[in-house]
Structures are given as structure tokens and as C-alpha cells.
PDB file of N, CA and C in Angstrom:
ATOM      1  N   MET A   1       0.992  -1.169  -0.045  1.00  0.00           N
ATOM      2  CA  MET A   1       0.023  -0.039   0.019  1.00  0.00           C
ATOM      3  C   MET A   1       0.948   1.263  -0.023  1.00  0.00           C
ATOM      4  N   PRO A   2       0.744   2.297  -0.932  1.00  0.00           N
ATOM      5  CA  PRO A   2       1.479   3.357  -0.852  1.00  0.00           C
ATOM      6  C   PRO A   2       1.324   4.208   0.361  1.00  0.00           C
ATOM      7  N   GLY A   3       2.423   4.930   0.837  1.00  0.00           N
ATOM      8  CA  GLY A   3       2.445   5.550   1.985  1.00  0.00           C
ATOM      9  C   GLY A   3       1.438   6.676   2.203  1.00  0.00           C
ATOM     10  N   ALA A   4       1.187   7.394   1.007  1.00  0.00           N
ATOM     11  CA  ALA A   4       0.309   8.451   0.984  1.00  0.00           C
ATOM     12  C   ALA A   4      -1.041   8.091   1.242  1.00  0.00           C
ATOM     13  N   LEU A   5      -1.450   6.879   0.867  1.00  0.00           N
ATOM     14  CA  LEU A   5      -2.675   6.362   1.130  1.00  0.00           C
ATOM     15  C   LEU A   5      -3.180   6.015   2.508  1.00  0.00           C
ATOM     16  N   ASN A   6      -2.006   5.831   3.411  1.00  0.00           N
ATOM     17  CA  ASN A   6      -2.029   5.380   4.851  1.00  0.00           C
ATOM     18  C   ASN A   6      -2.107   6.543   5.743  1.00  0.00           C
ATOM     19  N   HIS A   7      -2.066   7.824   5.162  1.00  0.00           N
ATOM     20  CA  HIS A   7      -2.059   9.081   6.091  1.00  0.00           C
ATOM     21  C   HIS A   7      -3.250   9.147   6.653  1.00  0.00           C
ATOM     22  N   THR A   8      -3.274   9.459   7.991  1.00  0.00           N
ATOM     23  CA  THR A   8      -4.514   9.685   8.848  1.00  0.00           C
ATOM     24  C   THR A   8      -4.419  11.052   9.593  1.00  0.00           C
ATOM     25  N   HIS A   9      -5.562  11.586   9.851  1.00  0.00           N
ATOM     26  CA  HIS A   9      -5.480  12.704  10.753  1.00  0.00           C
ATOM     27  C   HIS A   9      -6.436  12.390  11.822  1.00  0.00           C
ATOM     28  N   VAL A  10      -5.857  12.735  13.089  1.00  0.00           N
ATOM     29  CA  VAL A  10      -6.735  12.492  14.252  1.00  0.00           C
ATOM     30  C   VAL A  10      -7.174  13.822  14.884  1.00  0.00           C
ATOM     31  N   ALA A  11      -8.573  13.854  15.133  1.00  0.00           N
ATOM     32  CA  ALA A  11      -9.132  14.798  15.608  1.00  0.00           C
ATOM     33  C   ALA A  11      -9.747  14.490  17.011  1.00  0.00           C
ATOM     34  N   LEU A  12      -9.568  15.264  18.076  1.00  0.00           N
ATOM     35  CA  LEU A  12     -10.197  15.075  19.253  1.00  0.00           C
ATOM     36  C   LEU A  12     -11.457  15.799  19.432  1.00  0.00           C
ATOM     37  N   VAL A  13     -12.659  15.155  19.747  1.00  0.00           N
ATOM     38  CA  VAL A  13     -13.834  15.505  19.888  1.00  0.00           C
ATOM     39  C   VAL A  13     -14.310  15.639  21.338  1.00  0.00           C
ATOM     40  N   VAL A  14     -14.885  16.665  21.864  1.00  0.00           N
ATOM     41  CA  VAL A  14     -15.011  16.816  23.219  1.00  0.00           C
ATOM     42  C   VAL A  14     -16.264  16.072  23.556  1.00  0.00           C
ATOM     43  N   LYS A  15     -16.366  15.304  24.644  1.00  0.00           N
ATOM     44  CA  LYS A  15     -17.510  14.502  25.107  1.00  0.00           C
ATOM     45  C   LYS A  15     -18.228  15.197  26.207  1.00  0.00           C
ATOM     46  N   VAL A  16     -17.626  16.134  26.999  1.00  0.00           N
ATOM     47  CA  VAL A  16     -18.283  16.914  28.009  1.00  0.00           C
ATOM     48  C   VAL A  16     -18.128  18.283  27.872  1.00  0.00           C
ATOM     49  N   ARG A  17     -18.878  19.110  28.707  1.00  0.00           N
ATOM     50  CA  ARG A  17     -18.822  20.565  28.382  1.00  0.00           C
ATOM     51  C   ARG A  17     -17.508  21.178  28.797  1.00  0.00           C
ATOM     52  N   ASP A  18     -16.909  20.846  29.765  1.00  0.00           N
ATOM     53  CA  ASP A  18     -15.618  21.560  30.283  1.00  0.00           C
ATOM     54  C   ASP A  18     -14.695  20.350  30.365  1.00  0.00           C
ATOM     55  N   PRO A  19     -13.798  20.001  29.414  1.00  0.00           N
ATOM     56  CA  PRO A  19     -13.022  18.900  29.679  1.00  0.00           C
ATOM     57  C   PRO A  19     -11.682  19.114  30.311  1.00  0.00           C
ATOM     58  N   LYS A  20     -11.344  18.261  31.315  1.00  0.00           N
ATOM     59  CA  LYS A  20     -10.010  18.580  32.067  1.00  0.00           C
ATOM     60  C   LYS A  20      -9.140  17.351  31.918  1.00  0.00           C
ATOM     61  N   LEU A  21      -9.599  16.244  31.459  1.00  0.00           N
ATOM     62  CA  LEU A  21      -8.832  15.071  31.448  1.00  0.00           C
ATOM     63  C   LEU A  21      -8.780  14.588  30.006  1.00  0.00           C
ATOM     64  N   THR A  22      -7.876  13.821  29.589  1.00  0.00           N
ATOM     65  CA  THR A  22      -7.880  13.399  28.174  1.00  0.00           C
ATOM     66  C   THR A  22      -9.064  12.242  28.018  1.00  0.00           C
ATOM     67  N   ILE A  23      -9.600  11.604  29.157  1.00  0.00           N
ATOM     68  CA  ILE A  23     -10.667  10.673  28.981  1.00  0.00           C
ATOM     69  C   ILE A  23     -12.015  11.358  28.578  1.00  0.00           C
ATOM     70  N   ASN A  24     -11.849  12.705  28.616  1.00  0.00           N
ATOM     71  CA  ASN A  24     -12.988  13.435  28.251  1.00  0.00           C
ATOM     72  C   ASN A  24     -13.157  13.865  26.791  1.00  0.00           C
ATOM     73  N   LEU A  25     -11.983  13.262  26.013  1.00  0.00           N
ATOM     74  CA  LEU A  25     -12.176  13.626  24.696  1.00  0.00           C
ATOM     75  C   LEU A  25     -12.122  12.260  23.735  1.00  0.00           C
ATOM     76  N   ARG A  26     -12.713  12.347  22.776  1.00  0.00           N
ATOM     77  CA  ARG A  26     -12.872  11.034  21.969  1.00  0.00           C
ATOM     78  C   ARG A  26     -12.147  11.344  20.644  1.00  0.00           C
ATOM     79  N   PRO A  27     -11.118  10.343  20.396  1.00  0.00           N
ATOM     80  CA  PRO A  27     -10.382  10.630  19.160  1.00  0.00           C
ATOM     81  C   PRO A  27     -11.053  10.027  18.011  1.00  0.00           C
ATOM     82  N   ILE A  28     -11.020  10.745  16.891  1.00  0.00           N
ATOM     83  CA  ILE A  28     -11.662  10.506  15.681  1.00  0.00           C
ATOM     84  C   ILE A  28     -10.737  10.436  14.657  1.00  0.00           C
ATOM     85  N   ASN A  29     -10.453   9.126  13.867  1.00  0.00           N
ATOM     86  CA  ASN A  29      -9.545   9.090  12.754  1.00  0.00           C
ATOM     87  C   ASN A  29     -10.169   9.492  11.524  1.00  0.00           C
ATOM     88  N   LEU A  30      -9.569  10.559  10.676  1.00  0.00           N
ATOM     89  CA  LEU A  30     -10.089  11.006   9.471  1.00  0.00           C
ATOM     90  C   LEU A  30      -9.000  10.209   8.345  1.00  0.00           C
ATOM     91  N   CYS A  31      -9.548   9.273   7.805  1.00  0.00           N
ATOM     92  CA  CYS A  31      -8.702   8.510   6.824  1.00  0.00           C
ATOM     93  C   CYS A  31      -9.050   8.647   5.500  1.00  0.00           C
ATOM     94  N   ASN A  32      -8.105   8.448   4.508  1.00  0.00           N
ATOM     95  CA  ASN A  32      -8.424   8.549   3.141  1.00  0.00           C
ATOM     96  C   ASN A  32      -9.611   7.620   2.734  1.00  0.00           C
ATOM     97  N   VAL A  33     -10.184   8.083   1.737  1.00  0.00           N
ATOM     98  CA  VAL A  33     -11.507   7.339   1.293  1.00  0.00           C
ATOM     99  C   VAL A  33     -11.011   5.990   0.685  1.00  0.00           C
ATOM    100  N   LEU A  34      -9.880   5.927  -0.071  1.00  0.00           N
ATOM    101  CA  LEU A  34      -9.315   4.852  -0.796  1.00  0.00           C
ATOM    102  C   LEU A  34      -8.814   3.768   0.314  1.00  0.00           C
ATOM    103  N   TYR A  35      -8.390   4.248   1.397  1.00  0.00           N
ATOM    104  CA  TYR A  35      -7.792   3.465   2.463  1.00  0.00           C
ATOM    105  C   TYR A  35      -9.112   2.819   3.265  1.00  0.00           C
ATOM    106  N   LYS A  36     -10.151   3.574   3.415  1.00  0.00           N
ATOM    107  CA  LYS A  36     -11.213   3.141   4.226  1.00  0.00           C
ATOM    108  C   LYS A  36     -11.876   1.953   3.318  1.00  0.00           C
ATOM    109  N   HIS A  37     -11.940   2.113   1.802  1.00  0.00           N
ATOM    110  CA  HIS A  37     -12.641   1.073   0.916  1.00  0.00           C
ATOM    111  C   HIS A  37     -11.794   0.019   0.890  1.00  0.00           C
ATOM    112  N   THR A  38     -10.533   0.027   0.974  1.00  0.00           N
ATOM    113  CA  THR A  38      -9.513  -1.172   0.883  1.00  0.00           C
ATOM    114  C   THR A  38      -9.783  -1.935   2.165  1.00  0.00           C
ATOM    115  N   ILE A  39      -9.747  -1.239   3.339  1.00  0.00           N
ATOM    116  CA  ILE A  39      -9.967  -1.963   4.600  1.00  0.00           C
ATOM    117  C   ILE A  39     -11.429  -2.535   4.739  1.00  0.00           C
ATOM    118  N   LYS A  40     -12.394  -2.006   4.135  1.00  0.00           N
ATOM    119  CA  LYS A  40     -13.727  -2.581   4.304  1.00  0.00           C
ATOM    120  C   LYS A  40     -13.769  -3.813   3.336  1.00  0.00           C
ATOM    121  N   VAL A  41     -13.157  -3.777   2.160  1.00  0.00           N
ATOM    122  CA  VAL A  41     -13.119  -5.160   1.352  1.00  0.00           C
ATOM    123  C   VAL A  41     -12.366  -6.194   2.160  1.00  0.00           C
ATOM    124  N   VAL A  42     -11.168  -5.926   2.658  1.00  0.00           N
ATOM    125  CA  VAL A  42     -10.508  -6.758   3.334  1.00  0.00           C
ATOM    126  C   VAL A  42     -11.141  -7.340   4.727  1.00  0.00           C
ATOM    127  N   ALA A  43     -11.890  -6.430   5.440  1.00  0.00           N
ATOM    128  CA  ALA A  43     -12.819  -6.826   6.647  1.00  0.00           C
ATOM    129  C   ALA A  43     -13.971  -7.690   6.181  1.00  0.00           C
ATOM    130  N   ASN A  44     -14.700  -7.343   5.045  1.00  0.00           N
ATOM    131  CA  ASN A  44     -15.642  -8.363   4.492  1.00  0.00           C
ATOM    132  C   ASN A  44     -15.091  -9.611   4.126  1.00  0.00           C
ATOM    133  N   HIS A  45     -14.090  -9.822   3.683  1.00  0.00           N
ATOM    134  CA  HIS A  45     -13.457 -11.071   3.327  1.00  0.00           C
ATOM    135  C   HIS A  45     -13.004 -11.854   4.501  1.00  0.00           C
ATOM    136  N   LEU A  46     -12.608 -11.206   5.523  1.00  0.00           N
ATOM    137  CA  LEU A  46     -12.244 -11.749   6.785  1.00  0.00           C
ATOM    138  C   LEU A  46     -13.467 -12.339   7.733  1.00  0.00           C
ATOM    139  N   LYS A  47     -14.493 -11.643   7.598  1.00  0.00           N
ATOM    140  CA  LYS A  47     -15.683 -12.025   8.417  1.00  0.00           C
ATOM    141  C   LYS A  47     -16.103 -13.441   8.325  1.00  0.00           C
ATOM    142  N   TYR A  48     -15.626 -13.978   7.192  1.00  0.00           N
ATOM    143  CA  TYR A  48     -16.274 -15.406   7.076  1.00  0.00           C
ATOM    144  C   TYR A  48     -15.189 -16.394   7.817  1.00  0.00           C
ATOM    145  N   ILE A  49     -14.033 -16.005   7.918  1.00  0.00           N
ATOM    146  CA  ILE A  49     -13.214 -16.893   8.746  1.00  0.00           C
ATOM    147  C   ILE A  49     -12.906 -16.474  10.141  1.00  0.00           C
ATOM    148  N   LEU A  50     -13.634 -15.508  10.530  1.00  0.00           N
ATOM    149  CA  LEU A  50     -13.328 -15.084  12.005  1.00  0.00           C
ATOM    150  C   LEU A  50     -13.971 -16.044  12.969  1.00  0.00           C
ATOM    151  N   THR A  51     -15.092 -16.686  12.713  1.00  0.00           N
ATOM    152  CA  THR A  51     -15.570 -17.743  13.609  1.00  0.00           C
ATOM    153  C   THR A  51     -14.749 -18.868  13.756  1.00  0.00           C
ATOM    154  N   LYS A  52     -13.815 -19.240  12.896  1.00  0.00           N
ATOM    155  CA  LYS A  52     -13.020 -20.242  12.977  1.00  0.00           C
ATOM    156  C   LYS A  52     -11.672 -19.871  13.706  1.00  0.00           C
ATOM    157  N   VAL A  53     -11.307 -18.546  13.552  1.00  0.00           N
ATOM    158  CA  VAL A  53     -10.131 -18.128  14.143  1.00  0.00           C
ATOM    159  C   VAL A  53     -10.129 -17.674  15.648  1.00  0.00           C
ATOM    160  N   ILE A  54     -11.365 -17.081  15.749  1.00  0.00           N
ATOM    161  CA  ILE A  54     -11.631 -16.398  17.181  1.00  0.00           C
ATOM    162  C   ILE A  54     -12.336 -17.506  18.119  1.00  0.00           C
ATOM    163  N   SER A  55     -11.705 -17.744  19.446  1.00  0.00           N
ATOM    164  CA  SER A  55     -12.268 -18.490  20.233  1.00  0.00           C
ATOM    165  C   SER A  55     -13.724 -18.166  20.735  1.00  0.00           C
ATOM    166  N   ASN A  56     -14.548 -19.149  21.183  1.00  0.00           N
ATOM    167  CA  ASN A  56     -15.754 -18.862  21.667  1.00  0.00           C
ATOM    168  C   ASN A  56     -15.867 -17.963  22.794  1.00  0.00           C
ATOM    169  N   PHE A  57     -14.657 -17.888  23.616  1.00  0.00           N
ATOM    170  CA  PHE A  57     -14.579 -17.048  24.744  1.00  0.00           C
ATOM    171  C   PHE A  57     -14.494 -15.633  24.383  1.00  0.00           C
ATOM    172  N   GLN A  58     -14.105 -15.430  23.251  1.00  0.00           N
ATOM    173  CA  GLN A  58     -13.893 -13.962  22.835  1.00  0.00           C
ATOM    174  C   GLN A  58     -15.127 -13.449  22.243  1.00  0.00           C
ATOM    175  N   SER A  59     -16.146 -13.173  23.019  1.00  0.00           N
ATOM    176  CA  SER A  59     -17.507 -12.963  22.426  1.00  0.00           C
ATOM    177  C   SER A  59     -17.666 -11.647  21.943  1.00  0.00           C
ATOM    178  N   ALA A  60     -16.964 -10.675  22.223  1.00  0.00           N
ATOM    179  CA  ALA A  60     -17.111  -9.123  21.840  1.00  0.00           C
ATOM    180  C   ALA A  60     -16.624  -8.979  20.289  1.00  0.00           C
ATOM    181  N   PHE A  61     -16.170  -9.854  19.764  1.00  0.00           N
ATOM    182  CA  PHE A  61     -15.365  -9.553  18.430  1.00  0.00           C
ATOM    183  C   PHE A  61     -16.164 -10.222  17.338  1.00  0.00           C
ATOM    184  N   VAL A  62     -17.258 -11.129  17.641  1.00  0.00           N
ATOM    185  CA  VAL A  62     -17.996 -11.811  16.604  1.00  0.00           C
ATOM    186  C   VAL A  62     -19.521 -11.286  16.588  1.00  0.00           C
ATOM    187  N   LYS A  63     -19.952 -10.936  15.308  1.00  0.00           N
ATOM    188  CA  LYS A  63     -21.237 -10.594  15.030  1.00  0.00           C
ATOM    189  C   LYS A  63     -22.382 -11.529  15.683  1.00  0.00           C
ATOM    190  N   GLY A  64     -23.221 -11.093  16.476  1.00  0.00           N
ATOM    191  CA  GLY A  64     -24.157 -11.816  17.121  1.00  0.00           C
ATOM    192  C   GLY A  64     -23.803 -12.100  18.591  1.00  0.00           C
ATOM    193  N   ARG A  65     -22.765 -11.764  18.986  1.00  0.00           N
ATOM    194  CA  ARG A  65     -22.275 -11.876  20.364  1.00  0.00           C
ATOM    195  C   ARG A  65     -22.139 -10.560  21.032  1.00  0.00           C
ATOM    196  N   LEU A  66     -22.485 -10.507  22.334  1.00  0.00           N
ATOM    197  CA  LEU A  66     -22.556  -9.078  23.014  1.00  0.00           C
ATOM    198  C   LEU A  66     -21.448  -9.174  24.049  1.00  0.00           C
ATOM    199  N   ILE A  67     -20.749  -8.091  24.328  1.00  0.00           N
ATOM    200  CA  ILE A  67     -19.764  -8.018  25.493  1.00  0.00           C
ATOM    201  C   ILE A  67     -20.619  -8.020  26.690  1.00  0.00           C
ATOM    202  N   SER A  68     -21.902  -7.601  26.735  1.00  0.00           N
ATOM    203  CA  SER A  68     -22.555  -7.579  27.845  1.00  0.00           C
ATOM    204  C   SER A  68     -22.872  -8.967  28.500  1.00  0.00           C
ATOM    205  N   ASP A  69     -22.684  -9.972  27.697  1.00  0.00           N
ATOM    206  CA  ASP A  69     -22.699 -11.348  28.135  1.00  0.00           C
ATOM    207  C   ASP A  69     -21.546 -11.649  29.073  1.00  0.00           C
ATOM    208  N   ASN A  70     -20.447 -11.180  28.894  1.00  0.00           N
ATOM    209  CA  ASN A  70     -19.228 -11.273  29.629  1.00  0.00           C
ATOM    210  C   ASN A  70     -19.350 -10.547  30.897  1.00  0.00           C
ATOM    211  N   ILE A  71     -20.078  -9.501  30.903  1.00  0.00           N
ATOM    212  CA  ILE A  71     -20.402  -8.804  32.215  1.00  0.00           C
ATOM    213  C   ILE A  71     -21.244  -9.724  33.053  1.00  0.00           C
ATOM    214  N   LEU A  72     -22.186 -10.196  32.625  1.00  0.00           N
ATOM    215  CA  LEU A  72     -23.115 -11.072  33.280  1.00  0.00           C
ATOM    216  C   LEU A  72     -22.470 -12.206  33.869  1.00  0.00           C
ATOM    217  N   ILE A  73     -21.599 -12.954  33.155  1.00  0.00           N
ATOM    218  CA  ILE A  73     -20.768 -14.173  33.495  1.00  0.00           C
ATOM    219  C   ILE A  73     -19.930 -13.665  34.580  1.00  0.00           C
ATOM    220  N   ALA A  74     -19.167 -12.481  34.679  1.00  0.00           N
ATOM    221  CA  ALA A  74     -18.264 -11.976  35.625  1.00  0.00           C
ATOM    222  C   ALA A  74     -19.026 -11.710  36.806  1.00  0.00           C
ATOM    223  N   TYR A  75     -20.294 -11.228  36.761  1.00  0.00           N
ATOM    224  CA  TYR A  75     -21.173 -10.958  37.847  1.00  0.00           C
ATOM    225  C   TYR A  75     -21.659 -12.276  38.717  1.00  0.00           C
ATOM    226  N   GLU A  76     -21.838 -13.232  37.940  1.00  0.00           N
ATOM    227  CA  GLU A  76     -22.077 -14.528  38.616  1.00  0.00           C
ATOM    228  C   GLU A  76     -20.945 -15.255  39.238  1.00  0.00           C
ATOM    229  N   VAL A  77     -19.769 -15.139  38.477  1.00  0.00           N
ATOM    230  CA  VAL A  77     -18.603 -15.591  39.121  1.00  0.00           C
ATOM    231  C   VAL A  77     -18.345 -15.037  40.544  1.00  0.00           C
ATOM    232  N   PHE A  78     -18.369 -13.676  40.443  1.00  0.00           N
ATOM    233  CA  PHE A  78     -18.074 -12.840  41.779  1.00  0.00           C
ATOM    234  C   PHE A  78     -19.071 -13.216  42.813  1.00  0.00           C
ATOM    235  N   HIS A  79     -20.352 -13.302  42.361  1.00  0.00           N
ATOM    236  CA  HIS A  79     -21.329 -13.687  43.417  1.00  0.00           C
ATOM    237  C   HIS A  79     -21.119 -15.034  44.000  1.00  0.00           C
ATOM    238  N   HIS A  80     -20.685 -16.145  43.246  1.00  0.00           N
ATOM    239  CA  HIS A  80     -20.376 -17.373  43.492  1.00  0.00           C
ATOM    240  C   HIS A  80     -19.277 -17.188  44.767  1.00  0.00           C
ATOM    241  N   MET A  81     -18.292 -16.436  44.258  1.00  0.00           N
ATOM    242  CA  MET A  81     -17.052 -16.325  45.135  1.00  0.00           C
ATOM    243  C   MET A  81     -17.383 -15.694  46.497  1.00  0.00           C
ATOM    244  N   TYR A  82     -18.376 -14.656  46.346  1.00  0.00           N
ATOM    245  CA  TYR A  82     -18.661 -13.986  47.669  1.00  0.00           C
ATOM    246  C   TYR A  82     -19.584 -15.017  48.507  1.00  0.00           C
ATOM    247  N   CYS A  83     -20.447 -15.829  48.028  1.00  0.00           N
ATOM    248  CA  CYS A  83     -21.174 -16.831  48.718  1.00  0.00           C
ATOM    249  C   CYS A  83     -20.268 -17.740  49.414  1.00  0.00           C
ATOM    250  N   GLN A  84     -19.362 -18.109  48.830  1.00  0.00           N
ATOM    251  CA  GLN A  84     -18.395 -19.270  49.454  1.00  0.00           C
ATOM    252  C   GLN A  84     -16.994 -18.629  49.825  1.00  0.00           C
ATOM    253  N   SER A  85     -17.271 -17.641  50.551  1.00  0.00           N
ATOM    254  CA  SER A  85     -16.095 -16.825  51.006  1.00  0.00           C
ATOM    255  C   SER A  85     -15.209 -17.590  52.053  1.00  0.00           C
ATOM    256  N   GLY A  86     -15.688 -18.712  52.505  1.00  0.00           N
ATOM    257  CA  GLY A  86     -14.703 -19.590  53.366  1.00  0.00           C
ATOM    258  C   GLY A  86     -13.962 -20.545  52.608  1.00  0.00           C
ATOM    259  N   SER A  87     -14.082 -20.610  51.429  1.00  0.00           N
ATOM    260  CA  SER A  87     -13.305 -21.667  50.594  1.00  0.00           C
ATOM    261  C   SER A  87     -11.932 -20.977  50.199  1.00  0.00           C
ATOM    262  N   ASN A  88     -10.851 -21.922  50.016  1.00  0.00           N
ATOM    263  CA  ASN A  88      -9.655 -21.453  49.539  1.00  0.00           C
ATOM    264  C   ASN A  88      -9.485 -21.745  48.181  1.00  0.00           C
ATOM    265  N   GLY A  89      -8.598 -20.961  47.510  1.00  0.00           N
ATOM    266  CA  GLY A  89      -8.173 -21.315  45.925  1.00  0.00           C
ATOM    267  C   GLY A  89      -8.887 -20.476  44.971  1.00  0.00           C
ATOM    268  N   ASP A  90      -9.923 -19.502  45.511  1.00  0.00           N
ATOM    269  CA  ASP A  90     -10.646 -18.654  44.617  1.00  0.00           C
ATOM    270  C   ASP A  90      -9.628 -17.468  44.128  1.00  0.00           C
ATOM    271  N   MET A  91     -10.051 -17.087  42.989  1.00  0.00           N
ATOM    272  CA  MET A  91      -9.126 -15.866  42.302  1.00  0.00           C
ATOM    273  C   MET A  91     -10.043 -15.080  41.566  1.00  0.00           C
ATOM    274  N   ALA A  92      -9.937 -13.813  41.510  1.00  0.00           N
ATOM    275  CA  ALA A  92     -10.629 -12.778  40.832  1.00  0.00           C
ATOM    276  C   ALA A  92      -9.683 -11.871  39.962  1.00  0.00           C
ATOM    277  N   ILE A  93     -10.027 -11.448  38.870  1.00  0.00           N
ATOM    278  CA  ILE A  93      -9.423 -10.600  37.970  1.00  0.00           C
ATOM    279  C   ILE A  93     -10.202  -9.500  37.595  1.00  0.00           C
ATOM    280  N   LYS A  94      -9.542  -8.241  37.936  1.00  0.00           N
ATOM    281  CA  LYS A  94     -10.320  -6.992  37.642  1.00  0.00           C
ATOM    282  C   LYS A  94      -9.974  -6.526  36.202  1.00  0.00           C
ATOM    283  N   LEU A  95     -11.005  -6.225  35.409  1.00  0.00           N
ATOM    284  CA  LEU A  95     -10.712  -5.748  34.068  1.00  0.00           C
ATOM    285  C   LEU A  95     -11.305  -4.459  33.872  1.00  0.00           C
ATOM    286  N   ASP A  96     -10.459  -3.553  33.086  1.00  0.00           N
ATOM    287  CA  ASP A  96     -10.767  -2.197  32.844  1.00  0.00           C
ATOM    288  C   ASP A  96     -11.407  -2.066  31.407  1.00  0.00           C
ATOM    289  N   ILE A  97     -12.821  -2.382  31.399  1.00  0.00           N
ATOM    290  CA  ILE A  97     -13.294  -2.249  30.053  1.00  0.00           C
ATOM    291  C   ILE A  97     -13.308  -0.899  29.525  1.00  0.00           C
ATOM    292  N   CYS A  98     -13.325   0.113  30.274  1.00  0.00           N
ATOM    293  CA  CYS A  98     -13.263   1.544  29.972  1.00  0.00           C
ATOM    294  C   CYS A  98     -12.140   1.659  28.984  1.00  0.00           C
ATOM    295  N   LYS A  99     -11.066   1.287  29.158  1.00  0.00           N
ATOM    296  CA  LYS A  99      -9.736   1.421  28.339  1.00  0.00           C
ATOM    297  C   LYS A  99      -9.869   0.920  26.973  1.00  0.00           C
ATOM    298  N   ALA A 100     -10.668  -0.324  26.976  1.00  0.00           N
ATOM    299  CA  ALA A 100     -10.849  -1.011  25.659  1.00  0.00           C
ATOM    300  C   ALA A 100     -11.937  -0.527  25.004  1.00  0.00           C
ATOM    301  N   PHE A 101     -13.005  -0.021  25.554  1.00  0.00           N
ATOM    302  CA  PHE A 101     -14.183   0.389  24.837  1.00  0.00           C
ATOM    303  C   PHE A 101     -14.565   1.673  25.313  1.00  0.00           C
ATOM    304  N   ASP A 102     -15.066   2.586  24.424  1.00  0.00           N
ATOM    305  CA  ASP A 102     -15.366   3.955  25.047  1.00  0.00           C
ATOM    306  C   ASP A 102     -16.736   3.888  25.719  1.00  0.00           C
ATOM    307  N   ARG A 103     -17.531   3.072  25.571  1.00  0.00           N
ATOM    308  CA  ARG A 103     -18.656   2.770  26.440  1.00  0.00           C
ATOM    309  C   ARG A 103     -19.388   1.412  26.162  1.00  0.00           C
ATOM    310  N   VAL A 104     -19.929   0.928  27.206  1.00  0.00           N
ATOM    311  CA  VAL A 104     -20.681  -0.359  27.153  1.00  0.00           C
ATOM    312  C   VAL A 104     -21.998  -0.165  27.369  1.00  0.00           C
ATOM    313  N   GLU A 105     -22.913  -0.541  26.159  1.00  0.00           N
ATOM    314  CA  GLU A 105     -24.346  -0.374  26.172  1.00  0.00           C
ATOM    315  C   GLU A 105     -24.975  -1.696  26.550  1.00  0.00           C
TER     316      GLU A 105
END
């Protein structure tokens, strides 16, 4: 791919009235039209093999699966661990979904 085709401008759009932190800004990528078209064609070809490449546990990256399913499963795991607080060998992992996704609906 030619280098000029891959040039991208990044604009920061304000999410709140008075931004004081960088998390109050949303980055928007302004790409070349030919670059977007090329990427769209490649993505459409890849979507047929994604279900074979991506594990069933990676539910947020396949069409028809929701990231909220993972939140419900995590809640059930923590509830089970809380109810059995006397047992040994339990472990919890804290994930920061805010850094991976702008918002979870």
C-alpha cells in the first residue's frame, strides 16, 4: 500500500462541556477514502473466517455476540465467590473495560 494512502489525521472531539482530562476527549480518525474502502473489502472477506479463528470465549469480536454477556458471567462468578467466602483457592481478575471500549451499552 502506498504511504500517502495510509496518512490519517486524528481529531479530538469533546465529550463533556468542560474537559479537564484526556478521557473527556474522543479521538476520531480521518482516513483517506481509498484506504477506508480497501480496509472494508479486506474486513468483509475476513468476517467469514473469524468464527474459525476467534475462540468462543472472545464474544465481543464476533457478530451476534455481546460484550454484556461477559459482564453477566463475571457478575455470576463474583457472586459465587462471595457466597463461598470460606473456601480457599478462589481468584478474581479486575478488568478495565473503559480502556478497551469507549462505552458499554
